[in-house]
């Protein structure tokens, strides 16, 4: 995929900070900087969402990757797999998210979270009362609100990236275990293709 809009020039300090944090400036930041107020607003919101910690980080990372695989956002798969390694999450498990339905790597709770992420991503959403009740029973109301809001924000991010033509920057190339391919999709849709 090719960017549908040119990268905007970032202020030097922001570019330096992003490069120090990620090793490269993330393309979503460079694209968003065409509208600095909007870019700052989404960045601040993402930061506030990230501060919420009722839900286990691995569950949120797996949910984000499930949404990204479904929407076709290779950038989000790439960066989340990279984050999984850097946050000392189970990288072997994270590598299986794109094909979670056929993998035996996930617990019952993780499978429900992955199913919930996909059900929220469907258009129209296909969340069932039974699935929601199972998660609410195991996670509690505070975590359920956090997980649902996180998945909703993830949908905005993945769809935004995909619409702009933003694709993998190769962040996950540092990971030792290859990222699985989502069934029915060519490997270039979900793996690094810098």
Protein backbone atom coordinates (compact mmCIF):
# COMPACT_ATOMS: atom_id res chain seq x y z
CA UNK A 1 0.00 0.00 0.00
CA UNK A 2 1.19 3.50 -0.77
CA UNK A 3 0.51 6.59 1.31
CA UNK A 4 -2.40 8.52 -0.17
CA UNK A 5 -1.18 11.79 1.34
CA UNK A 6 2.35 13.12 1.64
CA UNK A 7 4.03 13.08 5.03
CA UNK A 8 3.94 16.46 6.75
CA UNK A 9 7.09 18.00 8.13
CA UNK A 10 7.23 17.63 11.90
CA UNK A 11 8.79 20.10 14.31
CA UNK A 12 12.39 18.97 14.89
CA UNK A 13 11.86 18.22 18.59
CA UNK A 14 8.80 16.03 17.91
CA UNK A 15 10.67 14.12 15.21
CA UNK A 16 13.60 13.59 17.56
CA UNK A 17 11.34 12.36 20.39
CA UNK A 18 9.52 9.93 18.09
CA UNK A 19 12.79 8.59 16.68
CA UNK A 20 14.20 8.07 20.18
CA UNK A 21 11.04 6.26 21.26
CA UNK A 22 10.45 4.06 18.21
CA UNK A 23 13.66 4.15 16.17
CA UNK A 24 11.77 5.98 13.39
CA UNK A 25 8.97 8.52 13.18
CA UNK A 26 5.66 6.63 12.95
CA UNK A 27 3.91 7.41 9.66
CA UNK A 28 0.54 8.00 11.36
CA UNK A 29 2.16 10.93 13.22
CA UNK A 30 3.66 12.32 10.02
CA UNK A 31 0.29 12.11 8.25
CA UNK A 32 -1.69 13.56 11.16
CA UNK A 33 0.67 16.53 11.37
CA UNK A 34 -1.05 18.08 8.34
CA UNK A 35 -3.58 19.12 11.01
CA UNK A 36 -1.47 19.65 14.17
CA UNK A 37 -4.49 20.34 16.41
CA UNK A 38 -6.16 17.10 15.34
CA UNK A 39 -2.87 15.19 15.58
CA UNK A 40 -2.28 16.52 19.09
CA UNK A 41 -5.87 15.76 20.14
CA UNK A 42 -5.70 12.14 19.00
CA UNK A 43 -2.24 11.73 20.48
CA UNK A 44 -3.40 13.10 23.83
CA UNK A 45 -6.48 10.88 23.80
CA UNK A 46 -4.32 7.85 22.96
CA UNK A 47 -2.04 8.77 25.87
CA UNK A 48 -4.96 9.00 28.28
CA UNK A 49 -6.37 5.68 27.05
CA UNK A 50 -2.94 4.09 27.54
CA UNK A 51 -2.87 5.24 31.18
CA UNK A 52 -5.93 3.11 31.97
CA UNK A 53 -4.68 -0.13 33.48
CA UNK A 54 -7.61 -2.14 34.77
CA UNK A 55 -7.36 -4.51 31.80
CA UNK A 56 -4.21 -6.60 31.43
CA UNK A 57 -1.86 -5.18 28.76
CA UNK A 58 -1.68 -8.48 26.90
CA UNK A 59 -5.47 -8.57 26.53
CA UNK A 60 -5.48 -5.03 25.12
CA UNK A 61 -2.57 -5.77 22.79
CA UNK A 62 -4.25 -8.94 21.52
CA UNK A 63 -7.54 -7.04 21.05
CA UNK A 64 -5.77 -4.28 19.10
CA UNK A 65 -4.05 -6.84 16.89
CA UNK A 66 -7.33 -8.69 16.26
CA UNK A 67 -8.97 -5.45 15.11
CA UNK A 68 -5.95 -4.62 12.95
CA UNK A 69 -5.97 -8.06 11.32
CA UNK A 70 -9.69 -7.78 10.59
CA UNK A 71 -9.50 -4.23 9.20
CA UNK A 72 -6.25 -4.93 7.35
CA UNK A 73 -4.07 -2.39 9.16
CA UNK A 74 -0.59 -3.83 8.77
CA UNK A 75 0.86 -0.79 10.57
CA UNK A 76 -1.06 -1.58 13.77
CA UNK A 77 -0.17 -5.27 13.59
CA UNK A 78 3.46 -4.31 13.09
CA UNK A 79 3.71 -1.81 15.95
CA UNK A 80 1.67 -3.90 18.41
CA UNK A 81 3.78 -6.98 17.79
CA UNK A 82 6.87 -4.82 18.37
CA UNK A 83 5.27 -3.44 21.58
CA UNK A 84 4.46 -6.96 22.76
CA UNK A 85 8.15 -7.83 22.61
CA UNK A 86 9.21 -4.61 24.32
CA UNK A 87 6.60 -4.96 27.08
CA UNK A 88 7.72 -8.54 27.78
CA UNK A 89 4.36 -9.96 26.74
CA UNK A 90 4.06 -13.46 25.33
CA UNK A 91 5.42 -12.86 21.81
CA UNK A 92 4.69 -16.43 20.70
CA UNK A 93 1.05 -15.87 21.60
CA UNK A 94 0.98 -12.39 20.06
CA UNK A 95 2.34 -13.84 16.81
CA UNK A 96 -0.75 -16.07 16.62
CA UNK A 97 -3.38 -13.33 16.96
CA UNK A 98 -4.09 -13.06 13.22
CA UNK A 99 -5.08 -16.76 13.20
CA UNK A 100 -6.36 -17.03 16.79
CA UNK A 101 -9.44 -19.07 15.85
CA UNK A 102 -7.28 -21.98 14.69
CA UNK A 103 -4.53 -21.57 17.31
CA UNK A 104 -4.50 -23.42 20.62
CA UNK A 105 -2.25 -20.78 22.21
CA UNK A 106 -5.01 -18.76 23.88
CA UNK A 107 -6.90 -19.13 27.14
CA UNK A 108 -10.68 -19.03 27.26
CA UNK A 109 -10.63 -15.40 28.44
CA UNK A 110 -8.20 -14.37 25.70
CA UNK A 111 -10.37 -16.07 23.07
CA UNK A 112 -13.43 -14.20 24.34
CA UNK A 113 -11.52 -10.88 24.20
CA UNK A 114 -10.39 -11.62 20.64
CA UNK A 115 -13.93 -12.58 19.63
CA UNK A 116 -15.27 -9.41 21.29
CA UNK A 117 -12.73 -7.25 19.44
CA UNK A 118 -13.78 -8.76 16.12
CA UNK A 119 -17.49 -8.53 16.95
CA UNK A 120 -17.11 -4.83 17.78
CA UNK A 121 -15.24 -4.34 14.50
CA UNK A 122 -17.91 -5.98 12.34
CA UNK A 123 -20.20 -3.59 10.50
CA UNK A 124 -22.74 -3.60 11.97
CA UNK A 125 -21.28 -4.84 15.27
CA UNK A 126 -22.14 -8.45 16.11
CA UNK A 127 -21.58 -8.44 19.89
CA UNK A 128 -23.93 -10.91 21.56
CA UNK A 129 -25.45 -10.64 25.02
CA UNK A 130 -23.83 -13.98 25.92
CA UNK A 131 -20.30 -12.90 24.95
CA UNK A 132 -20.67 -9.56 26.71
CA UNK A 133 -22.02 -11.27 29.86
CA UNK A 134 -19.11 -13.76 29.95
CA UNK A 135 -16.58 -10.95 29.74
CA UNK A 136 -18.43 -8.76 32.25
CA UNK A 137 -18.57 -11.68 34.69
CA UNK A 138 -14.81 -12.33 34.44
CA UNK A 139 -13.52 -8.76 34.09
CA UNK A 140 -15.98 -6.63 36.08
CA UNK A 141 -17.69 -3.41 35.05
CA UNK A 142 -14.66 -1.07 35.23
CA UNK A 143 -12.53 -3.32 33.03
CA UNK A 144 -15.42 -3.93 30.64
CA UNK A 145 -15.84 -0.19 30.08
CA UNK A 146 -12.08 0.16 29.56
CA UNK A 147 -11.83 -2.78 27.15
CA UNK A 148 -14.82 -1.61 25.11
CA UNK A 149 -13.52 1.95 24.87
CA UNK A 150 -10.05 0.70 23.99
CA UNK A 151 -11.39 -1.47 21.17
CA UNK A 152 -13.52 1.44 19.90
CA UNK A 153 -10.44 3.70 19.85
CA UNK A 154 -8.49 0.95 18.11
CA UNK A 155 -11.15 0.81 15.41
CA UNK A 156 -10.75 4.54 14.83
CA UNK A 157 -6.95 4.21 14.60
CA UNK A 158 -6.87 1.18 12.31
CA UNK A 159 -9.48 2.58 9.95
CA UNK A 160 -7.73 5.96 9.89
CA UNK A 161 -4.39 4.36 9.01
CA UNK A 162 -5.90 2.13 6.35
CA UNK A 163 -7.81 4.99 4.71
CA UNK A 164 -4.61 7.08 4.50
CA UNK A 165 -2.70 4.14 2.98
CA UNK A 166 -0.40 3.78 5.99
CA UNK A 167 1.19 0.33 6.15
CA UNK A 168 3.85 -1.53 8.10
CA UNK A 169 7.11 0.29 8.75
CA UNK A 170 8.97 -2.87 9.71
CA UNK A 171 8.96 -2.38 13.51
CA UNK A 172 8.19 -6.09 14.03
CA UNK A 173 11.27 -7.19 12.09
CA UNK A 174 13.10 -7.08 15.44
CA UNK A 175 10.86 -9.88 16.73
CA UNK A 176 12.31 -13.38 16.55
CA UNK A 177 9.03 -15.22 15.92
CA UNK A 178 7.26 -14.43 12.61
CA UNK A 179 3.79 -12.95 12.77
CA UNK A 180 1.17 -15.42 11.56
CA UNK A 181 -0.94 -14.64 8.53
CA UNK A 182 -4.68 -14.17 8.93
CA UNK A 183 -6.49 -16.97 7.08
CA UNK A 184 -7.71 -15.84 3.69
CA UNK A 185 -5.32 -12.87 3.38
CA UNK A 186 -2.05 -12.66 1.49
CA UNK A 187 0.94 -12.36 3.80
CA UNK A 188 1.76 -8.86 2.55
CA UNK A 189 -1.41 -7.55 4.23
CA UNK A 190 -0.30 -8.39 7.74
CA UNK A 191 3.45 -8.62 7.82
CA UNK A 192 6.25 -6.13 7.42
CA UNK A 193 6.46 -4.66 3.96
CA UNK A 194 8.58 -1.55 4.35
